Amino acid sequence: MSERTDRLNVFKTYKLYVGGKFPRSESGRVYEVTDSKGNWLANAPLSSRKDARDAVVAARKAFGGWSGATAYNRGQILYRIAEMLEGRREQFVREVGEAEGLSKSKAAAVVDAAIDRWVWYAGWTDKIGQIVGGANPVAGPFFNLSTPEPTGVVTVVAPQESSFLGLVSVIAPVIATGNTAVVIASEKSPLPALSLGEVLATSDLPGGVVNILSGKAAEMGPHLASHQDVNAIDLAGADVALAKELEIAAADNLKRVLRPQPVDDWSADPGTHRMTAFLETKTVWHPTGSLGSGGSSY
């Protein structure tokens, strides 16, 4: 019996990542994704307003457990994401190369930088509190302590041109500090983001901490910006007109807004500003009390 050598390729069906699961868009819509030369790559889900609402519900449900986890545990999970990405490096090199029109070597450098970026933020999870918090000097028998706390559910409009390194650079700081995220992937190049969802699902990250939608930022953005259960929005990938529209909508419930900032090189040192942008400061006063009959205090 001769060995069969011909077979049909199994084409990948890209899906959304919401609440730790992989749904298709509830609208049933898709749109064509092409490479830098206009060649068809795949059909990506065209997310609807309902998909965006579902993502917010999932993010809010996950917020209590994620924000309540120890910073050390969050760091372990972010490091695990980097481990999983390392294991699927070749897949992401191919997808990033196709998405951004890069050679294999340049795409590999981008993917390596993205993996390193996860490791970098994993190291910050239990250190950022020491940078932005501390004991405040006060005149009186009190302790006065300021500690950072996560803002809540953050909508992230991912960078349009940097489909993977830029994406990682805006997601990682949001969740490293205990927030949960609803991410609108690059409309032109969503496939690396949708594949990232598959990595997140198998990396100990609780479902709902990161939710990834593909489609039109101009369609979903206004609904998320005006959503009363979204606490902040990062406009990294919004153009000038869309950023202005979303910032106005976000003012309705006093969301924190991180305005678009031109980034020439996503591989450069990101600093800590994206972490601190979505942190609130809680200050606690506590009486020191007194020791002994002499009235000395501590």
Foldseek 3Di string as FASTA:
>chain_A
DDDDDDDDDDADDFAWAAQLDGDAAPVPDWDFAFFPVRHTDYTYHAHALVLLVRLLVSQQVCQVVQQPDALLVLLQLLLLLLVLCVVVLVVQLVLQCRHQVHDSVVSSVLSVLLSVLSNVLSVCLNPVQVVPWDWDDDPAQKTKTKGKGFQEEEEEEFAQNNQGLSRSVQLSLNSSRRYAYEYEGRQNRNVSVSVSSVSSSPRPNRGSSYTYDYHDCLRNLLSQLQDLSHAAYECQHPDPVSQVNSVVSNPPNDHQYHGHDDDPDSSPDPPNVSNVSRIDMDMDMDGQAADDPVRHTD
